[in-house]
Amino acid sequence: MATTNYTLRIDETDKQRAEYVFKELGMTFATGINIYLKMVGNQKRIPFELALDKQRAFSSIDEKIARDEKEKAFVALNGILAGHEIDLDKEREERVLSST
Protein backbone atom coordinates (compact mmCIF):
# COMPACT_ATOMS: atom_id res chain seq x y z
CA MET A 1 0.00 0.00 0.00
CA ALA A 2 1.47 3.32 -1.05
CA THR A 3 1.18 6.15 1.45
CA THR A 4 1.35 9.90 1.10
CA ASN A 5 2.00 12.72 3.50
CA TYR A 6 -0.52 15.53 3.70
CA THR A 7 -0.36 18.69 5.76
CA LEU A 8 -3.52 20.44 6.84
CA ARG A 9 -4.51 23.17 9.22
CA ILE A 10 -6.76 22.14 12.08
CA ASP A 11 -8.26 24.23 14.86
CA GLU A 12 -6.21 23.39 17.97
CA THR A 13 -9.26 22.83 20.17
CA ASP A 14 -10.90 20.55 17.58
CA LYS A 15 -7.65 18.57 17.29
CA GLN A 16 -7.36 18.18 21.06
CA ARG A 17 -10.96 17.02 21.34
CA ALA A 18 -10.52 14.50 18.50
CA GLU A 19 -7.23 13.21 19.94
CA TYR A 20 -8.93 12.67 23.30
CA VAL A 21 -11.77 10.66 21.72
CA PHE A 22 -9.42 8.59 19.54
CA LYS A 23 -7.26 7.84 22.59
CA GLU A 24 -10.31 6.75 24.61
CA LEU A 25 -11.26 4.47 21.70
CA GLY A 26 -7.74 2.98 21.75
CA MET A 27 -6.27 4.52 18.61
CA THR A 28 -3.92 7.25 17.50
CA PHE A 29 -4.99 10.46 15.80
CA ALA A 30 -3.54 9.21 12.47
CA THR A 31 -5.43 5.91 12.74
CA GLY A 32 -8.68 7.74 13.45
CA ILE A 33 -8.23 10.00 10.43
CA ASN A 34 -7.31 7.04 8.20
CA ILE A 35 -10.42 5.13 9.30
CA TYR A 36 -12.53 8.17 8.53
CA LEU A 37 -11.02 8.60 5.04
CA LYS A 38 -11.45 4.90 4.19
CA MET A 39 -15.10 5.00 5.24
CA VAL A 40 -15.78 8.18 3.25
CA GLY A 41 -14.28 6.52 0.16
CA ASN A 42 -16.13 3.25 0.65
CA GLN A 43 -19.55 4.68 1.51
CA LYS A 44 -19.37 7.89 -0.56
CA ARG A 45 -20.78 9.87 2.39
CA ILE A 46 -19.93 11.07 5.88
CA PRO A 47 -20.10 7.55 7.17
CA PHE A 48 -20.35 6.87 10.85
CA GLU A 49 -20.45 7.84 14.47
CA LEU A 50 -17.94 6.56 16.98
CA ALA A 51 -19.05 7.93 20.30
CA LEU A 52 -18.24 7.80 23.94
CA ASP A 53 -20.95 8.51 26.45
CA LYS A 54 -21.51 12.12 25.33
CA GLN A 55 -22.06 13.54 28.81
CA ARG A 56 -18.84 11.97 30.14
CA ALA A 57 -16.78 12.57 27.04
CA PHE A 58 -17.48 16.23 26.49
CA SER A 59 -17.30 17.22 30.12
CA SER A 60 -13.94 15.41 30.42
CA ILE A 61 -12.58 16.97 27.22
CA ASP A 62 -13.70 20.45 28.19
CA GLU A 63 -12.27 20.03 31.70
CA LYS A 64 -8.91 18.88 30.27
CA ILE A 65 -8.79 21.80 27.83
CA ALA A 66 -9.64 24.24 30.63
CA ARG A 67 -6.87 22.75 32.83
CA ASP A 68 -4.39 22.99 29.94
CA GLU A 69 -5.30 26.64 29.35
CA LYS A 70 -4.86 27.44 33.05
CA GLU A 71 -1.48 25.69 32.98
CA LYS A 72 -0.38 27.80 30.00
CA ALA A 73 -1.48 30.94 31.86
CA PHE A 74 0.56 29.93 34.95
CA VAL A 75 3.65 29.30 32.81
CA ALA A 76 3.25 32.68 31.07
CA LEU A 77 2.72 34.54 34.34
CA ASN A 78 5.64 32.76 35.96
CA GLY A 79 7.86 33.98 33.11
CA ILE A 80 6.60 37.53 33.47
CA LEU A 81 7.05 37.53 37.24
CA ALA A 82 10.45 35.78 37.24
CA GLY A 83 12.64 37.30 39.92
CA HIS A 84 9.71 38.65 41.94
CA GLU A 85 8.58 37.32 45.29
CA ILE A 86 5.62 35.35 43.90
CA ASP A 87 6.41 31.73 43.03
CA LEU A 88 3.61 30.59 40.74
CA ASP A 89 5.02 27.06 40.50
CA LYS A 90 4.56 26.69 44.25
CA GLU A 91 1.10 28.29 44.02
CA ARG A 92 0.10 25.85 41.27
CA GLU A 93 1.38 22.83 43.22
CA GLU A 94 -0.62 23.93 46.25
CA ARG A 95 -3.77 24.31 44.13
CA VAL A 96 -3.29 20.89 42.53
CA LEU A 97 -2.76 19.27 45.92
CA SER A 98 -5.77 21.01 47.42
CA SER A 99 -8.05 20.03 44.49
CA THR A 100 -7.30 16.31 44.75
PDB file of N, CA and C in Angstrom:
ATOM      1  N   MET A   1       0.845  -1.175   0.000  1.00  0.00           N
ATOM      2  CA  MET A   1       0.000   0.000   0.000  1.00  0.00           C
ATOM      3  C   MET A   1       0.892   1.240   0.000  1.00  0.00           C
ATOM      4  N   ALA A   2       0.724   2.066  -0.982  1.00  0.00           N
ATOM      5  CA  ALA A   2       1.472   3.323  -1.046  1.00  0.00           C
ATOM      6  C   ALA A   2       0.842   4.321  -0.080  1.00  0.00           C
ATOM      7  N   THR A   3       1.684   5.114   0.545  1.00  0.00           N
ATOM      8  CA  THR A   3       1.181   6.150   1.445  1.00  0.00           C
ATOM      9  C   THR A   3       1.632   7.510   0.946  1.00  0.00           C
ATOM     10  N   THR A   4       0.977   8.529   1.434  1.00  0.00           N
ATOM     11  CA  THR A   4       1.345   9.896   1.096  1.00  0.00           C
ATOM     12  C   THR A   4       1.258  10.750   2.349  1.00  0.00           C
ATOM     13  N   ASN A   5       2.071  11.767   2.401  1.00  0.00           N
ATOM     14  CA  ASN A   5       1.995  12.724   3.505  1.00  0.00           C
ATOM     15  C   ASN A   5       1.128  13.881   3.060  1.00  0.00           C
ATOM     16  N   TYR A   6       0.350  14.400   3.988  1.00  0.00           N
ATOM     17  CA  TYR A   6      -0.524  15.526   3.697  1.00  0.00           C
ATOM     18  C   TYR A   6      -0.527  16.443   4.909  1.00  0.00           C
ATOM     19  N   THR A   7      -0.344  17.709   4.681  1.00  0.00           N
ATOM     20  CA  THR A   7      -0.360  18.686   5.763  1.00  0.00           C
ATOM     21  C   THR A   7      -1.646  19.476   5.685  1.00  0.00           C
ATOM     22  N   LEU A   8      -2.320  19.630   6.811  1.00  0.00           N
ATOM     23  CA  LEU A   8      -3.520  20.441   6.836  1.00  0.00           C
ATOM     24  C   LEU A   8      -3.583  21.255   8.112  1.00  0.00           C
ATOM     25  N   ARG A   9      -4.334  22.308   8.055  1.00  0.00           N
ATOM     26  CA  ARG A   9      -4.507  23.172   9.223  1.00  0.00           C
ATOM     27  C   ARG A   9      -5.791  22.761   9.948  1.00  0.00           C
ATOM     28  N   ILE A  10      -5.640  22.588  11.260  1.00  0.00           N
ATOM     29  CA  ILE A  10      -6.761  22.143  12.081  1.00  0.00           C
ATOM     30  C   ILE A  10      -6.854  23.073  13.283  1.00  0.00           C
ATOM     31  N   ASP A  11      -8.052  23.454  13.640  1.00  0.00           N
ATOM     32  CA  ASP A  11      -8.258  24.232  14.855  1.00  0.00           C
ATOM     33  C   ASP A  11      -7.698  23.436  16.035  1.00  0.00           C
ATOM     34  N   GLU A  12      -6.884  24.069  16.871  1.00  0.00           N
ATOM     35  CA  GLU A  12      -6.207  23.385  17.969  1.00  0.00           C
ATOM     36  C   GLU A  12      -7.198  22.717  18.926  1.00  0.00           C
ATOM     37  N   THR A  13      -8.274  23.399  19.257  1.00  0.00           N
ATOM     38  CA  THR A  13      -9.262  22.826  20.174  1.00  0.00           C
ATOM     39  C   THR A  13      -9.930  21.608  19.548  1.00  0.00           C
ATOM     40  N   ASP A  14     -10.288  21.696  18.266  1.00  0.00           N
ATOM     41  CA  ASP A  14     -10.900  20.551  17.579  1.00  0.00           C
ATOM     42  C   ASP A  14      -9.938  19.364  17.569  1.00  0.00           C
ATOM     43  N   LYS A  15      -8.657  19.626  17.316  1.00  0.00           N
ATOM     44  CA  LYS A  15      -7.653  18.566  17.288  1.00  0.00           C
ATOM     45  C   LYS A  15      -7.529  17.913  18.664  1.00  0.00           C
ATOM     46  N   GLN A  16      -7.477  18.724  19.710  1.00  0.00           N
ATOM     47  CA  GLN A  16      -7.362  18.181  21.064  1.00  0.00           C
ATOM     48  C   GLN A  16      -8.570  17.310  21.406  1.00  0.00           C
ATOM     49  N   ARG A  17      -9.741  17.787  21.041  1.00  0.00           N
ATOM     50  CA  ARG A  17     -10.957  17.017  21.338  1.00  0.00           C
ATOM     51  C   ARG A  17     -10.959  15.695  20.584  1.00  0.00           C
ATOM     52  N   ALA A  18     -10.575  15.734  19.300  1.00  0.00           N
ATOM     53  CA  ALA A  18     -10.524  14.500  18.502  1.00  0.00           C
ATOM     54  C   ALA A  18      -9.467  13.543  19.045  1.00  0.00           C
ATOM     55  N   GLU A  19      -8.290  14.057  19.385  1.00  0.00           N
ATOM     56  CA  GLU A  19      -7.232  13.211  19.942  1.00  0.00           C
ATOM     57  C   GLU A  19      -7.706  12.516  21.216  1.00  0.00           C
ATOM     58  N   TYR A  20      -8.419  13.242  22.054  1.00  0.00           N
ATOM     59  CA  TYR A  20      -8.931  12.668  23.296  1.00  0.00           C
ATOM     60  C   TYR A  20      -9.872  11.498  22.993  1.00  0.00           C
ATOM     61  N   VAL A  21     -10.805  11.709  22.061  1.00  0.00           N
ATOM     62  CA  VAL A  21     -11.770  10.655  21.724  1.00  0.00           C
ATOM     63  C   VAL A  21     -11.055   9.453  21.116  1.00  0.00           C
ATOM     64  N   PHE A  22     -10.155   9.701  20.148  1.00  0.00           N
ATOM     65  CA  PHE A  22      -9.419   8.590  19.544  1.00  0.00           C
ATOM     66  C   PHE A  22      -8.658   7.802  20.608  1.00  0.00           C
ATOM     67  N   LYS A  23      -8.015   8.510  21.524  1.00  0.00           N
ATOM     68  CA  LYS A  23      -7.265   7.842  22.589  1.00  0.00           C
ATOM     69  C   LYS A  23      -8.189   6.982  23.447  1.00  0.00           C
ATOM     70  N   GLU A  24      -9.342   7.514  23.812  1.00  0.00           N
ATOM     71  CA  GLU A  24     -10.306   6.754  24.613  1.00  0.00           C
ATOM     72  C   GLU A  24     -10.813   5.525  23.861  1.00  0.00           C
ATOM     73  N   LEU A  25     -10.840   5.599  22.527  1.00  0.00           N
ATOM     74  CA  LEU A  25     -11.256   4.466  21.704  1.00  0.00           C
ATOM     75  C   LEU A  25     -10.090   3.529  21.391  1.00  0.00           C
ATOM     76  N   GLY A  26      -8.890   3.858  21.885  1.00  0.00           N
ATOM     77  CA  GLY A  26      -7.737   2.982  21.754  1.00  0.00           C
ATOM     78  C   GLY A  26      -6.961   3.135  20.456  1.00  0.00           C
ATOM     79  N   MET A  27      -7.004   4.329  19.868  1.00  0.00           N
ATOM     80  CA  MET A  27      -6.274   4.517  18.612  1.00  0.00           C
ATOM     81  C   MET A  27      -5.557   5.856  18.602  1.00  0.00           C
ATOM     82  N   THR A  28      -4.628   5.988  17.660  1.00  0.00           N
ATOM     83  CA  THR A  28      -3.916   7.247  17.498  1.00  0.00           C
ATOM     84  C   THR A  28      -4.750   8.199  16.645  1.00  0.00           C
ATOM     85  N   PHE A  29      -4.334   9.450  16.633  1.00  0.00           N
ATOM     86  CA  PHE A  29      -4.989  10.464  15.798  1.00  0.00           C
ATOM     87  C   PHE A  29      -4.904  10.044  14.329  1.00  0.00           C
ATOM     88  N   ALA A  30      -3.727   9.614  13.873  1.00  0.00           N
ATOM     89  CA  ALA A  30      -3.542   9.208  12.472  1.00  0.00           C
ATOM     90  C   ALA A  30      -4.443   8.031  12.110  1.00  0.00           C
ATOM     91  N   THR A  31      -4.561   7.051  12.997  1.00  0.00           N
ATOM     92  CA  THR A  31      -5.428   5.909  12.739  1.00  0.00           C
ATOM     93  C   THR A  31      -6.882   6.350  12.621  1.00  0.00           C
ATOM     94  N   GLY A  32      -7.312   7.233  13.511  1.00  0.00           N
ATOM     95  CA  GLY A  32      -8.684   7.738  13.450  1.00  0.00           C
ATOM     96  C   GLY A  32      -8.972   8.453  12.138  1.00  0.00           C
ATOM     97  N   ILE A  33      -8.051   9.280  11.699  1.00  0.00           N
ATOM     98  CA  ILE A  33      -8.226  10.004  10.432  1.00  0.00           C
ATOM     99  C   ILE A  33      -8.239   9.023   9.264  1.00  0.00           C
ATOM    100  N   ASN A  34      -7.333   8.032   9.272  1.00  0.00           N
ATOM    101  CA  ASN A  34      -7.306   7.039   8.200  1.00  0.00           C
ATOM    102  C   ASN A  34      -8.595   6.228   8.133  1.00  0.00           C
ATOM    103  N   ILE A  35      -9.139   5.847   9.274  1.00  0.00           N
ATOM    104  CA  ILE A  35     -10.418   5.128   9.296  1.00  0.00           C
ATOM    105  C   ILE A  35     -11.509   5.997   8.669  1.00  0.00           C
ATOM    106  N   TYR A  36     -11.533   7.246   9.065  1.00  0.00           N
ATOM    107  CA  TYR A  36     -12.528   8.173   8.525  1.00  0.00           C
ATOM    108  C   TYR A  36     -12.419   8.268   7.000  1.00  0.00           C
ATOM    109  N   LEU A  37     -11.218   8.458   6.482  1.00  0.00           N
ATOM    110  CA  LEU A  37     -11.025   8.603   5.038  1.00  0.00           C
ATOM    111  C   LEU A  37     -11.409   7.332   4.281  1.00  0.00           C
ATOM    112  N   LYS A  38     -11.063   6.163   4.832  1.00  0.00           N
ATOM    113  CA  LYS A  38     -11.448   4.902   4.189  1.00  0.00           C
ATOM    114  C   LYS A  38     -12.967   4.768   4.120  1.00  0.00           C
ATOM    115  N   MET A  39     -13.642   5.112   5.207  1.00  0.00           N
ATOM    116  CA  MET A  39     -15.102   4.999   5.241  1.00  0.00           C
ATOM    117  C   MET A  39     -15.758   5.986   4.278  1.00  0.00           C
ATOM    118  N   VAL A  40     -15.250   7.197   4.199  1.00  0.00           N
ATOM    119  CA  VAL A  40     -15.785   8.178   3.249  1.00  0.00           C
ATOM    120  C   VAL A  40     -15.662   7.620   1.830  1.00  0.00           C
ATOM    121  N   GLY A  41     -14.490   7.086   1.493  1.00  0.00           N
ATOM    122  CA  GLY A  41     -14.276   6.524   0.163  1.00  0.00           C
ATOM    123  C   GLY A  41     -15.164   5.326  -0.113  1.00  0.00           C
ATOM    124  N   ASN A  42     -15.314   4.454   0.847  1.00  0.00           N
ATOM    125  CA  ASN A  42     -16.131   3.248   0.653  1.00  0.00           C
ATOM    126  C   ASN A  42     -17.622   3.546   0.568  1.00  0.00           C
ATOM    127  N   GLN A  43     -18.114   4.436   1.418  1.00  0.00           N
ATOM    128  CA  GLN A  43     -19.554   4.678   1.507  1.00  0.00           C
ATOM    129  C   GLN A  43     -20.012   5.893   0.701  1.00  0.00           C
ATOM    130  N   LYS A  44     -19.062   6.692   0.237  1.00  0.00           N
ATOM    131  CA  LYS A  44     -19.373   7.889  -0.556  1.00  0.00           C
ATOM    132  C   LYS A  44     -20.284   8.862   0.209  1.00  0.00           C
ATOM    133  N   ARG A  45     -20.030   8.953   1.515  1.00  0.00           N
ATOM    134  CA  ARG A  45     -20.780   9.872   2.385  1.00  0.00           C
ATOM    135  C   ARG A  45     -20.022  10.041   3.689  1.00  0.00           C
ATOM    136  N   ILE A  46     -20.454  10.985   4.509  1.00  0.00           N
ATOM    137  CA  ILE A  46     -19.926  11.066   5.875  1.00  0.00           C
ATOM    138  C   ILE A  46     -20.504   9.842   6.574  1.00  0.00           C
ATOM    139  N   PRO A  47     -19.662   8.922   7.008  1.00  0.00           N
ATOM    140  CA  PRO A  47     -20.098   7.552   7.171  1.00  0.00           C
ATOM    141  C   PRO A  47     -20.579   7.042   8.525  1.00  0.00           C
ATOM    142  N   PHE A  48     -20.132   7.595   9.613  1.00  0.00           N
ATOM    143  CA  PHE A  48     -20.355   6.866  10.853  1.00  0.00           C
ATOM    144  C   PHE A  48     -20.259   7.758  12.072  1.00  0.00           C
ATOM    145  N   GLU A  49     -20.624   7.165  13.184  1.00  0.00           N
ATOM    146  CA  GLU A  49     -20.452   7.842  14.466  1.00  0.00           C
ATOM    147  C   GLU A  49     -19.767   6.876  15.415  1.00  0.00           C
ATOM    148  N   LEU A  50     -18.596   7.251  15.879  1.00  0.00           N
ATOM    149  CA  LEU A  50     -17.937   6.555  16.983  1.00  0.00           C
ATOM    150  C   LEU A  50     -18.116   7.473  18.172  1.00  0.00           C
ATOM    151  N   ALA A  51     -18.743   7.006  19.223  1.00  0.00           N
ATOM    152  CA  ALA A  51     -19.053   7.930  20.300  1.00  0.00           C
ATOM    153  C   ALA A  51     -18.779   7.304  21.658  1.00  0.00           C
ATOM    154  N   LEU A  52     -18.298   8.134  22.526  1.00  0.00           N
ATOM    155  CA  LEU A  52     -18.241   7.799  23.940  1.00  0.00           C
ATOM    156  C   LEU A  52     -19.564   8.262  24.528  1.00  0.00           C
ATOM    157  N   ASP A  53     -19.798   7.942  25.769  1.00  0.00           N
ATOM    158  CA  ASP A  53     -20.949   8.507  26.447  1.00  0.00           C
ATOM    159  C   ASP A  53     -20.798  10.019  26.353  1.00  0.00           C
ATOM    160  N   LYS A  54     -21.699  10.704  25.633  1.00  0.00           N
ATOM    161  CA  LYS A  54     -21.511  12.120  25.330  1.00  0.00           C
ATOM    162  C   LYS A  54     -21.368  12.983  26.579  1.00  0.00           C
ATOM    163  N   GLN A  55     -22.150  12.733  27.586  1.00  0.00           N
ATOM    164  CA  GLN A  55     -22.059  13.535  28.807  1.00  0.00           C
ATOM    165  C   GLN A  55     -20.670  13.420  29.414  1.00  0.00           C
ATOM    166  N   ARG A  56     -20.167  12.194  29.555  1.00  0.00           N
ATOM    167  CA  ARG A  56     -18.844  11.966  30.138  1.00  0.00           C
ATOM    168  C   ARG A  56     -17.744  12.507  29.245  1.00  0.00           C
ATOM    169  N   ALA A  57     -17.848  12.210  27.962  1.00  0.00           N
ATOM    170  CA  ALA A  57     -16.780  12.572  27.038  1.00  0.00           C
ATOM    171  C   ALA A  57     -16.588  14.072  26.952  1.00  0.00           C
ATOM    172  N   PHE A  58     -17.650  14.810  26.716  1.00  0.00           N
ATOM    173  CA  PHE A  58     -17.480  16.229  26.491  1.00  0.00           C
ATOM    174  C   PHE A  58     -17.169  16.984  27.766  1.00  0.00           C
ATOM    175  N   SER A  59     -17.691  16.538  28.897  1.00  0.00           N
ATOM    176  CA  SER A  59     -17.305  17.221  30.125  1.00  0.00           C
ATOM    177  C   SER A  59     -15.829  16.950  30.423  1.00  0.00           C
ATOM    178  N   SER A  60     -15.348  15.728  30.182  1.00  0.00           N
ATOM    179  CA  SER A  60     -13.943  15.410  30.423  1.00  0.00           C
ATOM    180  C   SER A  60     -13.030  16.178  29.481  1.00  0.00           C
ATOM    181  N   ILE A  61     -13.395  16.248  28.199  1.00  0.00           N
ATOM    182  CA  ILE A  61     -12.583  16.967  27.222  1.00  0.00           C
ATOM    183  C   ILE A  61     -12.514  18.437  27.597  1.00  0.00           C
ATOM    184  N   ASP A  62     -13.668  19.033  27.870  1.00  0.00           N
ATOM    185  CA  ASP A  62     -13.703  20.455  28.194  1.00  0.00           C
ATOM    186  C   ASP A  62     -12.933  20.745  29.472  1.00  0.00           C
ATOM    187  N   GLU A  63     -13.031  19.846  30.469  1.00  0.00           N
ATOM    188  CA  GLU A  63     -12.269  20.031  31.700  1.00  0.00           C
ATOM    189  C   GLU A  63     -10.767  19.965  31.430  1.00  0.00           C
ATOM    190  N   LYS A  64     -10.327  19.015  30.596  1.00  0.00           N
ATOM    191  CA  LYS A  64      -8.912  18.885  30.272  1.00  0.00           C
ATOM    192  C   LYS A  64      -8.419  20.128  29.544  1.00  0.00           C
ATOM    193  N   ILE A  65      -9.185  20.604  28.573  1.00  0.00           N
ATOM    194  CA  ILE A  65      -8.787  21.798  27.825  1.00  0.00           C
ATOM    195  C   ILE A  65      -8.703  22.995  28.766  1.00  0.00           C
ATOM    196  N   ALA A  66      -9.657  23.129  29.680  1.00  0.00           N
ATOM    197  CA  ALA A  66      -9.637  24.239  30.634  1.00  0.00           C
ATOM    198  C   ALA A  66      -8.403  24.144  31.534  1.00  0.00           C
ATOM    199  N   ARG A  67      -8.065  22.930  32.000  1.00  0.00           N
ATOM    200  CA  ARG A  67      -6.865  22.748  32.831  1.00  0.00           C
ATOM    201  C   ARG A  67      -5.606  23.108  32.047  1.00  0.00           C
ATOM    202  N   ASP A  68      -5.552  22.679  30.778  1.00  0.00           N
ATOM    203  CA  ASP A  68      -4.388  22.986  29.943  1.00  0.00           C
ATOM    204  C   ASP A  68      -4.239  24.491  29.747  1.00  0.00           C
ATOM    205  N   GLU A  69      -5.350  25.184  29.532  1.00  0.00           N
ATOM    206  CA  GLU A  69      -5.303  26.637  29.347  1.00  0.00           C
ATOM    207  C   GLU A  69      -4.845  27.334  30.629  1.00  0.00           C
ATOM    208  N   LYS A  70      -5.305  26.864  31.778  1.00  0.00           N
ATOM    209  CA  LYS A  70      -4.858  27.438  33.050  1.00  0.00           C
ATOM    210  C   LYS A  70      -3.365  27.200  33.240  1.00  0.00           C
ATOM    211  N   GLU A  71      -2.905  26.005  32.868  1.00  0.00           N
ATOM    212  CA  GLU A  71      -1.475  25.688  32.979  1.00  0.00           C
ATOM    213  C   GLU A  71      -0.649  26.634  32.115  1.00  0.00           C
ATOM    214  N   LYS A  72      -1.093  26.881  30.885  1.00  0.00           N
ATOM    215  CA  LYS A  72      -0.380  27.804  29.997  1.00  0.00           C
ATOM    216  C   LYS A  72      -0.330  29.204  30.618  1.00  0.00           C
ATOM    217  N   ALA A  73      -1.433  29.623  31.233  1.00  0.00           N
ATOM    218  CA  ALA A  73      -1.479  30.944  31.861  1.00  0.00           C
ATOM    219  C   ALA A  73      -0.490  31.019  33.021  1.00  0.00           C
ATOM    220  N   PHE A  74      -0.402  29.959  33.841  1.00  0.00           N
ATOM    221  CA  PHE A  74       0.559  29.931  34.946  1.00  0.00           C
ATOM    222  C   PHE A  74       1.982  30.029  34.429  1.00  0.00           C
ATOM    223  N   VAL A  75       2.294  29.278  33.369  1.00  0.00           N
ATOM    224  CA  VAL A  75       3.650  29.303  32.807  1.00  0.00           C
ATOM    225  C   VAL A  75       3.979  30.705  32.295  1.00  0.00           C
ATOM    226  N   ALA A  76       3.026  31.327  31.596  1.00  0.00           N
ATOM    227  CA  ALA A  76       3.254  32.677  31.068  1.00  0.00           C
ATOM    228  C   ALA A  76       3.450  33.677  32.197  1.00  0.00           C
ATOM    229  N   LEU A  77       2.605  33.617  33.202  1.00  0.00           N
ATOM    230  CA  LEU A  77       2.724  34.535  34.335  1.00  0.00           C
ATOM    231  C   LEU A  77       4.019  34.309  35.104  1.00  0.00           C
ATOM    232  N   ASN A  78       4.400  33.059  35.252  1.00  0.00           N
ATOM    233  CA  ASN A  78       5.640  32.760  35.958  1.00  0.00           C
ATOM    234  C   ASN A  78       6.830  33.379  35.229  1.00  0.00           C
ATOM    235  N   GLY A  79       6.802  33.350  33.893  1.00  0.00           N
ATOM    236  CA  GLY A  79       7.860  33.980  33.115  1.00  0.00           C
ATOM    237  C   GLY A  79       7.873  35.483  33.290  1.00  0.00           C
ATOM    238  N   ILE A  80       6.705  36.074  33.306  1.00  0.00           N
ATOM    239  CA  ILE A  80       6.598  37.527  33.472  1.00  0.00           C
ATOM    240  C   ILE A  80       7.079  37.956  34.858  1.00  0.00           C
ATOM    241  N   LEU A  81       6.742  37.165  35.865  1.00  0.00           N
ATOM    242  CA  LEU A  81       7.051  37.533  37.243  1.00  0.00           C
ATOM    243  C   LEU A  81       8.377  36.948  37.742  1.00  0.00           C
ATOM    244  N   ALA A  82       9.173  36.373  36.838  1.00  0.00           N
ATOM    245  CA  ALA A  82      10.453  35.784  37.236  1.00  0.00           C
ATOM    246  C   ALA A  82      11.274  36.817  38.000  1.00  0.00           C
ATOM    247  N   GLY A  83      11.823  36.409  39.116  1.00  0.00           N
ATOM    248  CA  GLY A  83      12.640  37.301  39.921  1.00  0.00           C
ATOM    249  C   GLY A  83      11.845  38.071  40.957  1.00  0.00           C
ATOM    250  N   HIS A  84      10.530  37.980  40.933  1.00  0.00           N
ATOM    251  CA  HIS A  84       9.708  38.647  41.942  1.00  0.00           C
ATOM    252  C   HIS A  84       9.441  37.673  43.084  1.00  0.00           C
ATOM    253  N   GLU A  85       8.795  38.145  44.101  1.00  0.00           N
ATOM    254  CA  GLU A  85       8.583  37.324  45.292  1.00  0.00           C
ATOM    255  C   GLU A  85       7.555  36.217  45.090  1.00  0.00           C
ATOM    256  N   ILE A  86       6.683  36.339  44.101  1.00  0.00           N
ATOM    257  CA  ILE A  86       5.623  35.354  43.902  1.00  0.00           C
ATOM    258  C   ILE A  86       6.190  34.156  43.152  1.00  0.00           C
ATOM    259  N   ASP A  87       5.973  32.968  43.686  1.00  0.00           N
ATOM    260  CA  ASP A  87       6.407  31.734  43.029  1.00  0.00           C
ATOM    261  C   ASP A  87       5.159  30.997  42.555  1.00  0.00           C
ATOM    262  N   LEU A  88       4.836  31.177  41.264  1.00  0.00           N
ATOM    263  CA  LEU A  88       3.611  30.586  40.745  1.00  0.00           C
ATOM    264  C   LEU A  88       3.697  29.066  40.654  1.00  0.00           C
ATOM    265  N   ASP A  89       4.900  28.511  40.498  1.00  0.00           N
ATOM    266  CA  ASP A  89       5.018  27.056  40.500  1.00  0.00           C
ATOM    267  C   ASP A  89       4.555  26.495  41.834  1.00  0.00           C
ATOM    268  N   LYS A  90       4.970  27.136  42.913  1.00  0.00           N
ATOM    269  CA  LYS A  90       4.563  26.693  44.245  1.00  0.00           C
ATOM    270  C   LYS A  90       3.060  26.887  44.416  1.00  0.00           C
ATOM    271  N   GLU A  91       2.533  28.030  43.947  1.00  0.00           N
ATOM    272  CA  GLU A  91       1.097  28.293  44.020  1.00  0.00           C
ATOM    273  C   GLU A  91       0.316  27.207  43.276  1.00  0.00           C
ATOM    274  N   ARG A  92       0.776  26.858  42.081  1.00  0.00           N
ATOM    275  CA  ARG A  92       0.100  25.854  41.267  1.00  0.00           C
ATOM    276  C   ARG A  92       0.132  24.499  41.960  1.00  0.00           C
ATOM    277  N   GLU A  93       1.280  24.103  42.508  1.00  0.00           N
ATOM    278  CA  GLU A  93       1.383  22.830  43.217  1.00  0.00           C
ATOM    279  C   GLU A  93       0.409  22.787  44.385  1.00  0.00           C
ATOM    280  N   GLU A  94       0.306  23.889  45.113  1.00  0.00           N
ATOM    281  CA  GLU A  94      -0.616  23.928  46.248  1.00  0.00           C
ATOM    282  C   GLU A  94      -2.056  23.791  45.790  1.00  0.00           C
ATOM    283  N   ARG A  95      -2.402  24.427  44.650  1.00  0.00           N
ATOM    284  CA  ARG A  95      -3.770  24.310  44.126  1.00  0.00           C
ATOM    285  C   ARG A  95      -4.060  22.898  43.669  1.00  0.00           C
ATOM    286  N   VAL A  96      -3.101  22.260  42.989  1.00  0.00           N
ATOM    287  CA  VAL A  96      -3.295  20.891  42.528  1.00  0.00           C
ATOM    288  C   VAL A  96      -3.496  19.970  43.712  1.00  0.00           C
ATOM    289  N   LEU A  97      -2.641  20.127  44.735  1.00  0.00           N
ATOM    290  CA  LEU A  97      -2.761  19.272  45.919  1.00  0.00           C
ATOM    291  C   LEU A  97      -4.074  19.504  46.652  1.00  0.00           C
ATOM    292  N   SER A  98      -4.543  20.731  46.706  1.00  0.00           N
ATOM    293  CA  SER A  98      -5.774  21.013  47.417  1.00  0.00           C
ATOM    294  C   SER A  98      -7.006  20.574  46.634  1.00  0.00           C
ATOM    295  N   SER A  99      -6.886  20.429  45.295  1.00  0.00           N
ATOM    296  CA  SER A  99      -8.052  20.033  44.495  1.00  0.00           C
ATOM    297  C   SER A  99      -8.197  18.519  44.395  1.00  0.00           C
ATOM    298  N   THR A 100      -7.202  17.761  44.852  1.00  0.00           N
ATOM    299  CA  THR A 100      -7.297  16.305  44.747  1.00  0.00           C
ATOM    300  C   THR A 100      -7.843  15.682  45.997  1.00  0.00           C
TER     301      THR A 100
END
